[in-house]
Amino acid sequence: MVGVAAVGLVGGVSVRAGTIVAWGRSVEGQTGAPTDDTFIAIAGGSYHSLGLHADGTAVAWGANDGGQCNVPAESFQAIAAGSRHSLGLRTSGSLHAWGSNDYSQLACPLGTDYTAIATGWYHSVALRSDHSVAAWGRNNLGQLNAPLTYDFKAVAAAGNWSLGLHDNGTLEAWGYNGHEQCYVPAGNDYVAIACGTNHGLALKVDGSIVAWGWNNNLQLNVATGNDFVAIASYGDHSLALRSDGSLAAWGLNNEGQCNAPAGAGHTAVAAGLFHSLALVVYVRGDVNCDGGVDFDDINPFVTALIGREVYEARYTNCRWLNGDIDGNDYVDFDDISPFVRCLVHSGCP
């Protein structure tokens, strides 16, 4: 029996659920993501990670020294992770934060009109339905001094600064500017934003990426091309998702955080301080993880039949259970006939 893929809402948009893959530093357990395939959103903090299930429940793993992984049993539509605190946007439109409160980062503003959230190290920002920005937490460097306007459509934060995307496609930043990360590039053709600790990232309408700020670890050497659909950043590295579902990463790679897995099928990216995460929708029958089911999958399928260890040693960027066509959580000879049907129909039902 082939299961039906879970679907959830992120910011009111229907998203197909997937599995979390994580890489980079794992000393604190931040890459030890749950293995189920019901996630619709991910977030990376300094040393912890968050995942949002299609049913609105959230989970966390990694460092928990401030209680940042003690996720409340509530229904969320978005998540964000700071240094030692976490933030959730409830399905009701209200906010809930947990973890360390040493700079009042848990003192969320009231209201049920919030539509997006982001976190820096010790501060948070949220976008309201009237397109204004709320900010709370530490303000030693002006990171809470959000412009008092009603024309924002996206927010981002990291370190001790914040970034906003205006309705007209222009950028504005506030907070710490020690590496000129608040000197945003000109233009009105931006559609998405992300913050590293001391650098900024923006996705243009043409699918290309621009970066500015500190470049001590090549964090401004963005991936080339105009086929990008999503971006993420934290620390001194950045990630991007291409339209074909493949990933790009650049910047500091001291813990392997830029060693992104190959292959297609990825649907979202997130970055922690020294680790990275992505959501991937695995296709049953796509045993070489190139995004489709075709004759190139025959040899890896035969390898999967031989055994999981043999398969995973040879196909390190794919998943053995993609060969489980009949859905019994194992790859065996009962999968041969349904796999042949998948080949004939160029995909499994």
C-alpha atoms as a PDB file:
ATOM      1  CA  MET A   1       0.000   0.000   0.000  1.00  0.00           C
ATOM      2  CA  VAL A   2       1.358   3.415  -0.989  1.00  0.00           C
ATOM      3  CA  GLY A   3       0.609   6.134   1.548  1.00  0.00           C
ATOM      4  CA  VAL A   4      -0.768   9.563   0.754  1.00  0.00           C
ATOM      5  CA  ALA A   5       1.704  12.409   1.312  1.00  0.00           C
ATOM      6  CA  ALA A   6       0.859  14.714   4.163  1.00  0.00           C
ATOM      7  CA  VAL A   7       0.157  18.345   3.365  1.00  0.00           C
ATOM      8  CA  GLY A   8       0.278  21.303   5.729  1.00  0.00           C
ATOM      9  CA  LEU A   9       0.030  25.080   5.713  1.00  0.00           C
ATOM     10  CA  VAL A  10       3.004  27.410   6.147  1.00  0.00           C
ATOM     11  CA  GLY A  11       1.953  31.048   6.204  1.00  0.00           C
ATOM     12  CA  GLY A  12      -1.355  30.087   4.626  1.00  0.00           C
ATOM     13  CA  VAL A  13       0.340  28.312   1.699  1.00  0.00           C
ATOM     14  CA  SER A  14      -0.151  24.592   1.129  1.00  0.00           C
ATOM     15  CA  VAL A  15       3.138  22.698   1.477  1.00  0.00           C
ATOM     16  CA  ARG A  16       3.810  19.025   0.813  1.00  0.00           C
ATOM     17  CA  ALA A  17       5.381  17.336   3.818  1.00  0.00           C
ATOM     18  CA  GLY A  18       8.844  15.856   3.668  1.00  0.00           C
ATOM     19  CA  THR A  19      11.765  14.415   5.599  1.00  0.00           C
ATOM     20  CA  ILE A  20      14.480  16.462   7.302  1.00  0.00           C
ATOM     21  CA  VAL A  21      18.102  16.028   6.289  1.00  0.00           C
ATOM     22  CA  ALA A  22      20.803  17.762   8.331  1.00  0.00           C
ATOM     23  CA  TRP A  23      24.573  18.092   8.130  1.00  0.00           C
ATOM     24  CA  GLY A  24      27.441  19.977   9.731  1.00  0.00           C
ATOM     25  CA  ARG A  25      28.260  20.222  13.422  1.00  0.00           C
ATOM     26  CA  SER A  26      26.441  17.651  15.534  1.00  0.00           C
ATOM     27  CA  VAL A  27      28.273  17.810  18.868  1.00  0.00           C
ATOM     28  CA  GLU A  28      25.115  19.054  20.569  1.00  0.00           C
ATOM     29  CA  GLY A  29      22.835  16.767  18.552  1.00  0.00           C
ATOM     30  CA  GLN A  30      21.537  19.518  16.262  1.00  0.00           C
ATOM     31  CA  THR A  31      21.720  17.306  13.152  1.00  0.00           C
ATOM     32  CA  GLY A  32      19.927  14.396  14.832  1.00  0.00           C
ATOM     33  CA  ALA A  33      16.601  15.152  13.194  1.00  0.00           C
ATOM     34  CA  PRO A  34      13.552  12.876  13.553  1.00  0.00           C
ATOM     35  CA  THR A  35      13.227  10.502  10.613  1.00  0.00           C
ATOM     36  CA  ASP A  36       9.504  10.729   9.828  1.00  0.00           C
ATOM     37  CA  ASP A  37       8.237  12.364   6.633  1.00  0.00           C
ATOM     38  CA  THR A  38       5.558  14.706   7.982  1.00  0.00           C
ATOM     39  CA  PHE A  39       7.525  17.969   8.250  1.00  0.00           C
ATOM     40  CA  ILE A  40       6.526  21.162   6.454  1.00  0.00           C
ATOM     41  CA  ALA A  41       9.012  23.666   7.948  1.00  0.00           C
ATOM     42  CA  ILE A  42      12.460  23.724   9.577  1.00  0.00           C
ATOM     43  CA  ALA A  43      14.567  26.208  11.533  1.00  0.00           C
ATOM     44  CA  GLY A  44      18.137  26.275  12.763  1.00  0.00           C
ATOM     45  CA  GLY A  45      19.403  28.004  15.895  1.00  0.00           C
ATOM     46  CA  SER A  46      22.924  28.381  17.211  1.00  0.00           C
ATOM     47  CA  TYR A  47      23.143  24.802  18.474  1.00  0.00           C
ATOM     48  CA  HIS A  48      19.597  23.463  18.171  1.00  0.00           C
ATOM     49  CA  SER A  49      17.019  22.834  15.471  1.00  0.00           C
ATOM     50  CA  LEU A  50      13.249  22.892  15.102  1.00  0.00           C
ATOM     51  CA  GLY A  51      10.820  21.046  12.860  1.00  0.00           C
ATOM     52  CA  LEU A  52       7.145  21.731  12.192  1.00  0.00           C
ATOM     53  CA  HIS A  53       4.821  18.817  11.427  1.00  0.00           C
ATOM     54  CA  ALA A  54       1.929  19.026   8.984  1.00  0.00           C
ATOM     55  CA  ASP A  55      -0.488  18.749  11.921  1.00  0.00           C
ATOM     56  CA  GLY A  56       0.912  21.942  13.466  1.00  0.00           C
ATOM     57  CA  THR A  57       2.937  20.328  16.243  1.00  0.00           C
ATOM     58  CA  ALA A  58       6.610  21.230  16.585  1.00  0.00           C
ATOM     59  CA  VAL A  59       9.647  19.314  17.799  1.00  0.00           C
ATOM     60  CA  ALA A  60      13.179  20.355  18.707  1.00  0.00           C
ATOM     61  CA  TRP A  61      16.545  18.679  19.145  1.00  0.00           C
ATOM     62  CA  GLY A  62      20.105  19.678  19.990  1.00  0.00           C
ATOM     63  CA  ALA A  63      21.404  21.895  22.798  1.00  0.00           C
ATOM     64  CA  ASN A  64      18.816  22.547  25.494  1.00  0.00           C
ATOM     65  CA  ASP A  65      20.810  24.547  28.029  1.00  0.00           C
ATOM     66  CA  GLY A  66      18.207  27.317  28.060  1.00  0.00           C
ATOM     67  CA  GLY A  67      15.141  25.141  27.587  1.00  0.00           C
ATOM     68  CA  GLN A  68      15.000  26.025  23.873  1.00  0.00           C
ATOM     69  CA  CYS A  69      14.029  22.446  22.983  1.00  0.00           C
ATOM     70  CA  ASN A  70      11.146  22.261  25.474  1.00  0.00           C
ATOM     71  CA  VAL A  71       8.498  22.779  22.810  1.00  0.00           C
ATOM     72  CA  PRO A  72       4.993  23.535  24.121  1.00  0.00           C
ATOM     73  CA  ALA A  73       2.124  21.296  23.039  1.00  0.00           C
ATOM     74  CA  GLU A  74       0.401  23.840  20.801  1.00  0.00           C
ATOM     75  CA  SER A  75      -0.499  24.271  17.146  1.00  0.00           C
ATOM     76  CA  PHE A  76       1.919  26.396  15.106  1.00  0.00           C
ATOM     77  CA  GLN A  77       2.077  27.656  11.544  1.00  0.00           C
ATOM     78  CA  ALA A  78       5.699  28.878  11.605  1.00  0.00           C
ATOM     79  CA  ILE A  79       8.848  28.397  13.714  1.00  0.00           C
ATOM     80  CA  ALA A  80      12.140  30.206  14.294  1.00  0.00           C
ATOM     81  CA  ALA A  81      15.230  29.466  16.379  1.00  0.00           C
ATOM     82  CA  GLY A  82      17.596  31.897  18.107  1.00  0.00           C
ATOM     83  CA  SER A  83      20.714  31.340  20.158  1.00  0.00           C
ATOM     84  CA  ARG A  84      19.107  29.815  23.266  1.00  0.00           C
ATOM     85  CA  HIS A  85      15.426  30.542  22.638  1.00  0.00           C
ATOM     86  CA  SER A  86      12.794  29.403  20.151  1.00  0.00           C
ATOM     87  CA  LEU A  87       9.740  31.121  18.716  1.00  0.00           C
ATOM     88  CA  GLY A  88       6.499  29.842  17.290  1.00  0.00           C
ATOM     89  CA  LEU A  89       3.690  31.544  15.390  1.00  0.00           C
ATOM     90  CA  ARG A  90       0.486  29.876  16.510  1.00  0.00           C
ATOM     91  CA  THR A  91      -2.236  28.977  14.034  1.00  0.00           C
ATOM     92  CA  SER A  92      -4.315  31.604  15.852  1.00  0.00           C
ATOM     93  CA  GLY A  93      -1.879  34.306  14.732  1.00  0.00           C
ATOM     94  CA  SER A  94      -0.446  34.852  18.215  1.00  0.00           C
ATOM     95  CA  LEU A  95       3.156  34.314  19.347  1.00  0.00           C
ATOM     96  CA  HIS A  96       4.773  31.952  21.839  1.00  0.00           C
ATOM     97  CA  ALA A  97       8.456  31.818  22.775  1.00  0.00           C
ATOM     98  CA  TRP A  98      10.321  29.394  25.030  1.00  0.00           C
ATOM     99  CA  GLY A  99      13.863  28.878  26.284  1.00  0.00           C
ATOM    100  CA  SER A 100      16.250  31.450  27.714  1.00  0.00           C
ATOM    101  CA  ASN A 101      14.759  34.775  28.786  1.00  0.00           C
ATOM    102  CA  ASP A 102      17.926  36.574  29.853  1.00  0.00           C
ATOM    103  CA  TYR A 103      17.140  39.488  27.517  1.00  0.00           C
ATOM    104  CA  SER A 104      13.322  39.272  27.650  1.00  0.00           C
ATOM    105  CA  GLN A 105      13.237  37.349  24.389  1.00  0.00           C
ATOM    106  CA  LEU A 106      10.223  35.420  25.710  1.00  0.00           C
ATOM    107  CA  ALA A 107       8.220  38.636  26.263  1.00  0.00           C
ATOM    108  CA  CYS A 108       6.275  38.296  23.019  1.00  0.00           C
ATOM    109  CA  PRO A 109       3.905  41.130  22.121  1.00  0.00           C
ATOM    110  CA  LEU A 110       0.209  40.370  22.393  1.00  0.00           C
ATOM    111  CA  GLY A 111      -2.207  40.068  19.501  1.00  0.00           C
ATOM    112  CA  THR A 112      -3.429  37.561  16.942  1.00  0.00           C
ATOM    113  CA  ASP A 113      -2.488  39.443  13.796  1.00  0.00           C
ATOM    114  CA  TYR A 114       1.028  38.091  13.161  1.00  0.00           C
ATOM    115  CA  THR A 115       1.925  36.458   9.854  1.00  0.00           C
ATOM    116  CA  ALA A 116       5.699  35.793   9.939  1.00  0.00           C
ATOM    117  CA  ILE A 117       8.538  35.543  12.478  1.00  0.00           C
ATOM    118  CA  ALA A 118      12.330  35.595  12.691  1.00  0.00           C
ATOM    119  CA  THR A 119      14.933  35.419  15.457  1.00  0.00           C
ATOM    120  CA  GLY A 120      18.389  36.816  16.074  1.00  0.00           C
ATOM    121  CA  TRP A 121      20.701  35.666  18.827  1.00  0.00           C
ATOM    122  CA  TYR A 122      18.796  37.341  21.650  1.00  0.00           C
ATOM    123  CA  HIS A 123      15.972  39.202  19.915  1.00  0.00           C
ATOM    124  CA  SER A 124      12.989  38.419  17.728  1.00  0.00           C
ATOM    125  CA  VAL A 125      10.930  40.187  15.079  1.00  0.00           C
ATOM    126  CA  ALA A 126       7.428  39.521  13.790  1.00  0.00           C
ATOM    127  CA  LEU A 127       5.410  40.786  10.867  1.00  0.00           C
ATOM    128  CA  ARG A 128       1.820  41.883  11.429  1.00  0.00           C
ATOM    129  CA  SER A 129      -1.060  41.606   8.982  1.00  0.00           C
ATOM    130  CA  ASP A 130      -0.993  45.411   8.610  1.00  0.00           C
ATOM    131  CA  HIS A 131       2.589  45.039   7.287  1.00  0.00           C
ATOM    132  CA  SER A 132       4.206  46.617  10.351  1.00  0.00           C
ATOM    133  CA  VAL A 133       7.050  45.012  12.324  1.00  0.00           C
ATOM    134  CA  ALA A 134       7.214  44.215  16.030  1.00  0.00           C
ATOM    135  CA  ALA A 135      10.513  43.515  17.801  1.00  0.00           C
ATOM    136  CA  TRP A 136      11.478  42.475  21.336  1.00  0.00           C
ATOM    137  CA  GLY A 137      14.399  41.108  23.349  1.00  0.00           C
ATOM    138  CA  ARG A 138      17.899  42.549  23.546  1.00  0.00           C
ATOM    139  CA  ASN A 139      18.366  46.052  22.109  1.00  0.00           C
ATOM    140  CA  ASN A 140      21.955  46.949  22.947  1.00  0.00           C
ATOM    141  CA  LEU A 141      22.772  47.599  19.283  1.00  0.00           C
ATOM    142  CA  GLY A 142      19.454  48.888  17.961  1.00  0.00           C
ATOM    143  CA  GLN A 143      18.228  45.513  16.761  1.00  0.00           C
ATOM    144  CA  LEU A 144      14.703  46.362  17.963  1.00  0.00           C
ATOM    145  CA  ASN A 145      14.567  49.755  16.237  1.00  0.00           C
ATOM    146  CA  ALA A 146      12.302  48.586  13.432  1.00  0.00           C
ATOM    147  CA  PRO A 147      11.040  51.313  11.079  1.00  0.00           C
ATOM    148  CA  LEU A 148       7.566  52.541  12.047  1.00  0.00           C
ATOM    149  CA  THR A 149       6.008  51.935   8.660  1.00  0.00           C
ATOM    150  CA  TYR A 150       3.240  49.719   7.305  1.00  0.00           C
ATOM    151  CA  ASP A 151       4.806  48.447   4.123  1.00  0.00           C
ATOM    152  CA  PHE A 152       6.780  45.300   4.966  1.00  0.00           C
ATOM    153  CA  LYS A 153       6.081  41.847   3.508  1.00  0.00           C
ATOM    154  CA  ALA A 154       8.946  39.824   5.007  1.00  0.00           C
ATOM    155  CA  VAL A 155      11.388  39.941   7.926  1.00  0.00           C
ATOM    156  CA  ALA A 156      14.659  38.227   8.790  1.00  0.00           C
ATOM    157  CA  ALA A 157      17.134  38.385  11.673  1.00  0.00           C
ATOM    158  CA  ALA A 158      20.411  36.916  12.903  1.00  0.00           C
ATOM    159  CA  GLY A 159      23.128  37.897  15.313  1.00  0.00           C
ATOM    160  CA  ASN A 160      22.342  41.424  16.504  1.00  0.00           C
ATOM    161  CA  TRP A 161      20.615  42.872  13.451  1.00  0.00           C
ATOM    162  CA  SER A 162      17.381  42.617  11.491  1.00  0.00           C
ATOM    163  CA  LEU A 163      16.314  42.934   7.881  1.00  0.00           C
ATOM    164  CA  GLY A 164      13.015  43.780   6.233  1.00  0.00           C
ATOM    165  CA  LEU A 165      11.626  43.458   2.725  1.00  0.00           C
ATOM    166  CA  HIS A 166       9.259  46.248   1.720  1.00  0.00           C
ATOM    167  CA  ASP A 167       6.108  45.734  -0.330  1.00  0.00           C
ATOM    168  CA  ASN A 168       7.762  47.580  -3.209  1.00  0.00           C
ATOM    169  CA  GLY A 169      10.652  45.094  -3.315  1.00  0.00           C
ATOM    170  CA  THR A 170      13.266  47.274  -1.599  1.00  0.00           C
ATOM    171  CA  LEU A 171      15.323  46.366   1.478  1.00  0.00           C
ATOM    172  CA  GLU A 172      15.861  48.026   4.869  1.00  0.00           C
ATOM    173  CA  ALA A 173      18.003  46.912   7.809  1.00  0.00           C
ATOM    174  CA  TRP A 174      18.594  47.977  11.407  1.00  0.00           C
ATOM    175  CA  GLY A 175      20.748  46.973  14.375  1.00  0.00           C
ATOM    176  CA  TYR A 176      24.454  46.160  14.529  1.00  0.00           C
ATOM    177  CA  ASN A 177      26.299  47.471  11.480  1.00  0.00           C
ATOM    178  CA  GLY A 178      29.914  46.691  12.340  1.00  0.00           C
ATOM    179  CA  HIS A 179      30.444  44.947   9.008  1.00  0.00           C
ATOM    180  CA  GLU A 180      28.124  47.136   6.916  1.00  0.00           C
ATOM    181  CA  GLN A 181      25.399  44.511   6.852  1.00  0.00           C
ATOM    182  CA  CYS A 182      22.816  47.272   7.323  1.00  0.00           C
ATOM    183  CA  TYR A 183      23.995  49.024   4.151  1.00  0.00           C
ATOM    184  CA  VAL A 184      21.565  47.133   1.938  1.00  0.00           C
ATOM    185  CA  PRO A 185      21.918  47.049  -1.837  1.00  0.00           C
ATOM    186  CA  ALA A 186      19.722  49.280  -3.954  1.00  0.00           C
ATOM    187  CA  GLY A 187      16.945  47.949  -6.161  1.00  0.00           C
ATOM    188  CA  ASN A 188      13.272  47.054  -5.956  1.00  0.00           C
ATOM    189  CA  ASP A 189      13.338  43.552  -7.406  1.00  0.00           C
ATOM    190  CA  TYR A 190      13.845  41.480  -4.247  1.00  0.00           C
ATOM    191  CA  VAL A 191      11.432  38.704  -3.276  1.00  0.00           C
ATOM    192  CA  ALA A 192      13.044  36.948  -0.277  1.00  0.00           C
ATOM    193  CA  ILE A 193      15.633  37.760   2.405  1.00  0.00           C
ATOM    194  CA  ALA A 194      17.909  36.041   4.927  1.00  0.00           C
ATOM    195  CA  CYS A 195      20.433  37.128   7.543  1.00  0.00           C
ATOM    196  CA  GLY A 196      23.778  35.671   8.484  1.00  0.00           C
ATOM    197  CA  THR A 197      25.499  36.825  11.648  1.00  0.00           C
ATOM    198  CA  ASN A 198      27.205  39.716   9.860  1.00  0.00           C
ATOM    199  CA  HIS A 199      26.071  39.448   6.253  1.00  0.00           C
ATOM    200  CA  GLY A 200      22.816  39.724   4.341  1.00  0.00           C
ATOM    201  CA  LEU A 201      21.281  37.724   1.536  1.00  0.00           C
ATOM    202  CA  ALA A 202      18.478  38.555  -0.880  1.00  0.00           C
ATOM    203  CA  LEU A 203      16.784  36.644  -3.680  1.00  0.00           C
ATOM    204  CA  LYS A 204      15.854  38.634  -6.770  1.00  0.00           C
ATOM    205  CA  VAL A 205      12.781  38.232  -8.922  1.00  0.00           C
ATOM    206  CA  ASP A 206      14.975  36.844 -11.708  1.00  0.00           C
ATOM    207  CA  GLY A 207      16.106  33.977  -9.452  1.00  0.00           C
ATOM    208  CA  SER A 208      19.601  35.303  -8.756  1.00  0.00           C
ATOM    209  CA  ILE A 209      21.117  36.013  -5.329  1.00  0.00           C
ATOM    210  CA  VAL A 210      22.965  39.020  -3.942  1.00  0.00           C
ATOM    211  CA  ALA A 211      24.946  39.234  -0.693  1.00  0.00           C
ATOM    212  CA  TRP A 212      26.554  42.046   1.280  1.00  0.00           C
ATOM    213  CA  GLY A 213      28.327  42.676   4.582  1.00  0.00           C
ATOM    214  CA  TRP A 214      31.280  40.742   6.015  1.00  0.00           C
ATOM    215  CA  ASN A 215      33.202  38.448   3.689  1.00  0.00           C
ATOM    216  CA  ASN A 216      35.837  37.021   6.025  1.00  0.00           C
ATOM    217  CA  ASN A 217      34.754  33.461   5.202  1.00  0.00           C
ATOM    218  CA  LEU A 218      33.626  33.983   1.600  1.00  0.00           C
ATOM    219  CA  GLN A 219      30.008  34.363   2.661  1.00  0.00           C
ATOM    220  CA  LEU A 220      29.533  36.879  -0.182  1.00  0.00           C
ATOM    221  CA  ASN A 221      30.692  34.410  -2.845  1.00  0.00           C
ATOM    222  CA  VAL A 222      27.136  33.444  -3.706  1.00  0.00           C
ATOM    223  CA  ALA A 223      26.223  30.548  -5.925  1.00  0.00           C
ATOM    224  CA  THR A 224      25.789  31.639  -9.520  1.00  0.00           C
ATOM    225  CA  GLY A 225      22.675  31.180 -11.612  1.00  0.00           C
ATOM    226  CA  ASN A 226      19.145  32.510 -11.842  1.00  0.00           C
ATOM    227  CA  ASP A 227      17.230  29.384 -10.917  1.00  0.00           C
ATOM    228  CA  PHE A 228      17.015  29.857  -7.149  1.00  0.00           C
ATOM    229  CA  VAL A 229      13.697  29.841  -5.303  1.00  0.00           C
ATOM    230  CA  ALA A 230      14.648  30.014  -1.599  1.00  0.00           C
ATOM    231  CA  ILE A 231      17.573  31.133   0.583  1.00  0.00           C
ATOM    232  CA  ALA A 232      18.744  30.707   4.179  1.00  0.00           C
ATOM    233  CA  SER A 233      21.666  31.894   6.263  1.00  0.00           C
ATOM    234  CA  TYR A 234      23.098  31.872   9.777  1.00  0.00           C
ATOM    235  CA  GLY A 235      26.598  32.317  11.131  1.00  0.00           C
ATOM    236  CA  ASP A 236      29.026  32.734   8.236  1.00  0.00           C
ATOM    237  CA  HIS A 237      27.437  30.389   5.712  1.00  0.00           C
ATOM    238  CA  SER A 238      24.421  30.417   3.422  1.00  0.00           C
ATOM    239  CA  LEU A 239      22.200  27.977   1.543  1.00  0.00           C
ATOM    240  CA  ALA A 240      20.041  28.210  -1.541  1.00  0.00           C
ATOM    241  CA  LEU A 241      17.410  25.989  -3.120  1.00  0.00           C
ATOM    242  CA  ARG A 242      17.229  25.698  -6.902  1.00  0.00           C
ATOM    243  CA  SER A 243      14.042  25.258  -8.888  1.00  0.00           C
ATOM    244  CA  ASP A 244      15.040  21.666  -9.683  1.00  0.00           C
ATOM    245  CA  GLY A 245      15.168  20.825  -5.973  1.00  0.00           C
ATOM    246  CA  SER A 246      18.947  20.738  -5.711  1.00  0.00           C
ATOM    247  CA  LEU A 247      20.984  22.677  -3.134  1.00  0.00           C
ATOM    248  CA  ALA A 248      23.890  25.114  -3.101  1.00  0.00           C
ATOM    249  CA  ALA A 249      25.951  26.223  -0.093  1.00  0.00           C
ATOM    250  CA  TRP A 250      28.878  28.593   0.438  1.00  0.00           C
ATOM    251  CA  GLY A 251      30.833  30.399   3.140  1.00  0.00           C
ATOM    252  CA  LEU A 252      32.456  28.993   6.269  1.00  0.00           C
ATOM    253  CA  ASN A 253      32.721  25.210   6.106  1.00  0.00           C
ATOM    254  CA  ASN A 254      34.751  24.379   9.218  1.00  0.00           C
ATOM    255  CA  GLU A 255      32.143  21.874  10.446  1.00  0.00           C
ATOM    256  CA  GLY A 256      30.944  20.614   7.051  1.00  0.00           C
ATOM    257  CA  GLN A 257      27.919  22.920   7.067  1.00  0.00           C
ATOM    258  CA  CYS A 258      28.389  23.624   3.352  1.00  0.00           C
ATOM    259  CA  ASN A 259      28.597  19.948   2.368  1.00  0.00           C
ATOM    260  CA  ALA A 260      25.022  19.921   1.117  1.00  0.00           C
ATOM    261  CA  PRO A 261      23.624  16.581  -0.047  1.00  0.00           C
ATOM    262  CA  ALA A 262      23.392  16.068  -3.784  1.00  0.00           C
ATOM    263  CA  GLY A 263      20.236  15.241  -5.672  1.00  0.00           C
ATOM    264  CA  ALA A 264      16.834  16.766  -6.285  1.00  0.00           C
ATOM    265  CA  GLY A 265      13.615  16.676  -4.283  1.00  0.00           C
ATOM    266  CA  HIS A 266      14.509  19.311  -1.703  1.00  0.00           C
ATOM    267  CA  THR A 267      11.752  21.782  -0.882  1.00  0.00           C
ATOM    268  CA  ALA A 268      13.126  24.055   1.873  1.00  0.00           C
ATOM    269  CA  VAL A 269      16.408  25.089   3.509  1.00  0.00           C
ATOM    270  CA  ALA A 270      17.452  26.421   6.914  1.00  0.00           C
ATOM    271  CA  ALA A 271      20.770  27.237   8.538  1.00  0.00           C
ATOM    272  CA  GLY A 272      22.137  27.031  12.049  1.00  0.00           C
ATOM    273  CA  LEU A 273      25.372  28.521  13.348  1.00  0.00           C
ATOM    274  CA  PHE A 274      27.542  25.601  12.194  1.00  0.00           C
ATOM    275  CA  HIS A 275      24.934  23.225  10.755  1.00  0.00           C
ATOM    276  CA  SER A 276      22.409  23.148   7.939  1.00  0.00           C
ATOM    277  CA  LEU A 277      19.021  21.581   7.285  1.00  0.00           C
ATOM    278  CA  ALA A 278      16.772  20.877   4.325  1.00  0.00           C
ATOM    279  CA  LEU A 279      13.402  19.304   3.684  1.00  0.00           C
ATOM    280  CA  VAL A 280      13.291  16.636   1.024  1.00  0.00           C
ATOM    281  CA  VAL A 281      10.298  14.855  -0.491  1.00  0.00           C
ATOM    282  CA  TYR A 282      11.456  11.378  -1.379  1.00  0.00           C
ATOM    283  CA  VAL A 283       9.866   9.815  -4.449  1.00  0.00           C
ATOM    284  CA  ARG A 284       8.998   6.155  -4.093  1.00  0.00           C
ATOM    285  CA  GLY A 285      10.823   4.268  -6.822  1.00  0.00           C
ATOM    286  CA  ASP A 286      13.422   7.005  -7.363  1.00  0.00           C
ATOM    287  CA  VAL A 287      16.237   4.883  -5.983  1.00  0.00           C
ATOM    288  CA  ASN A 288      19.036   7.097  -7.346  1.00  0.00           C
ATOM    289  CA  CYS A 289      17.384  10.331  -6.152  1.00  0.00           C
ATOM    290  CA  ASP A 290      17.567  12.196  -9.455  1.00  0.00           C
ATOM    291  CA  GLY A 291      13.957  13.343  -9.143  1.00  0.00           C
ATOM    292  CA  GLY A 292      12.244  10.772 -11.368  1.00  0.00           C
ATOM    293  CA  VAL A 293      11.607   7.064 -11.858  1.00  0.00           C
ATOM    294  CA  ASP A 294      13.276   5.698 -14.985  1.00  0.00           C
ATOM    295  CA  PHE A 295      15.641   3.003 -16.235  1.00  0.00           C
ATOM    296  CA  ASP A 296      18.559   4.668 -14.436  1.00  0.00           C
ATOM    297  CA  ASP A 297      16.945   3.415 -11.219  1.00  0.00           C
ATOM    298  CA  ILE A 298      17.282  -0.275 -12.134  1.00  0.00           C
ATOM    299  CA  ASN A 299      20.846  -0.800 -10.888  1.00  0.00           C
ATOM    300  CA  PRO A 300      20.332   1.062  -7.594  1.00  0.00           C
ATOM    301  CA  PHE A 301      17.077  -0.861  -7.066  1.00  0.00           C
ATOM    302  CA  VAL A 302      18.944  -4.149  -7.478  1.00  0.00           C
ATOM    303  CA  THR A 303      21.515  -2.873  -4.989  1.00  0.00           C
ATOM    304  CA  ALA A 304      18.698  -2.008  -2.583  1.00  0.00           C
ATOM    305  CA  LEU A 305      17.440  -5.591  -2.857  1.00  0.00           C
ATOM    306  CA  ILE A 306      20.881  -6.882  -1.882  1.00  0.00           C
ATOM    307  CA  GLY A 307      20.680  -5.052   1.436  1.00  0.00           C
ATOM    308  CA  ARG A 308      20.469  -1.712   3.169  1.00  0.00           C
ATOM    309  CA  GLU A 309      24.126  -1.499   4.205  1.00  0.00           C
ATOM    310  CA  VAL A 310      25.369  -2.222   0.693  1.00  0.00           C
ATOM    311  CA  TYR A 311      22.941   0.302  -0.798  1.00  0.00           C
ATOM    312  CA  GLU A 312      23.715   3.113   1.671  1.00  0.00           C
ATOM    313  CA  ALA A 313      27.466   2.644   1.212  1.00  0.00           C
ATOM    314  CA  ARG A 314      27.090   3.128  -2.536  1.00  0.00           C
ATOM    315  CA  TYR A 315      24.276   5.690  -2.731  1.00  0.00           C
ATOM    316  CA  THR A 316      25.140   8.014   0.117  1.00  0.00           C
ATOM    317  CA  ASN A 317      22.827  10.836  -0.958  1.00  0.00           C
ATOM    318  CA  CYS A 318      19.678   8.806  -1.444  1.00  0.00           C
ATOM    319  CA  ARG A 319      17.347   6.709   0.720  1.00  0.00           C
ATOM    320  CA  TRP A 320      17.092   2.930   0.816  1.00  0.00           C
ATOM    321  CA  LEU A 321      13.354   3.022   1.529  1.00  0.00           C
ATOM    322  CA  ASN A 322      12.739   4.707  -1.829  1.00  0.00           C
ATOM    323  CA  GLY A 323      12.878   1.137  -3.093  1.00  0.00           C
ATOM    324  CA  ASP A 324      10.056   0.078  -0.770  1.00  0.00           C
ATOM    325  CA  ILE A 325       7.340   0.265  -3.409  1.00  0.00           C
ATOM    326  CA  ASP A 326       4.702  -1.780  -1.583  1.00  0.00           C
ATOM    327  CA  GLY A 327       5.005   0.306   1.595  1.00  0.00           C
ATOM    328  CA  ASN A 328       5.901  -2.400   4.111  1.00  0.00           C
ATOM    329  CA  ASP A 329       8.979  -0.510   5.382  1.00  0.00           C
ATOM    330  CA  TYR A 330      11.389  -2.952   3.787  1.00  0.00           C
ATOM    331  CA  VAL A 331      12.912  -3.494   0.346  1.00  0.00           C
ATOM    332  CA  ASP A 332      12.469  -7.093  -0.749  1.00  0.00           C
ATOM    333  CA  PHE A 333      11.418  -9.259  -3.698  1.00  0.00           C
ATOM    334  CA  ASP A 334       7.787  -8.265  -3.205  1.00  0.00           C
ATOM    335  CA  ASP A 335       8.798  -4.830  -4.479  1.00  0.00           C
ATOM    336  CA  ILE A 336      10.008  -6.068  -7.864  1.00  0.00           C
ATOM    337  CA  SER A 337       6.644  -6.222  -9.664  1.00  0.00           C
ATOM    338  CA  PRO A 338       5.420  -2.828  -8.390  1.00  0.00           C
ATOM    339  CA  PHE A 339       8.821  -1.329  -9.279  1.00  0.00           C
ATOM    340  CA  VAL A 340       8.463  -2.575 -12.864  1.00  0.00           C
ATOM    341  CA  ARG A 341       5.014  -0.950 -12.984  1.00  0.00           C
ATOM    342  CA  CYS A 342       6.584   2.295 -11.761  1.00  0.00           C
ATOM    343  CA  LEU A 343       9.094   2.122 -14.612  1.00  0.00           C
ATOM    344  CA  VAL A 344       6.368   1.534 -17.187  1.00  0.00           C
ATOM    345  CA  HIS A 345       4.348   4.502 -15.914  1.00  0.00           C
ATOM    346  CA  SER A 346       7.398   6.727 -15.227  1.00  0.00           C
ATOM    347  CA  GLY A 347       6.422   7.004 -11.603  1.00  0.00           C
ATOM    348  CA  CYS A 348       4.703   5.202  -8.768  1.00  0.00           C
ATOM    349  CA  PRO A 349       1.035   5.784  -7.921  1.00  0.00           C
END
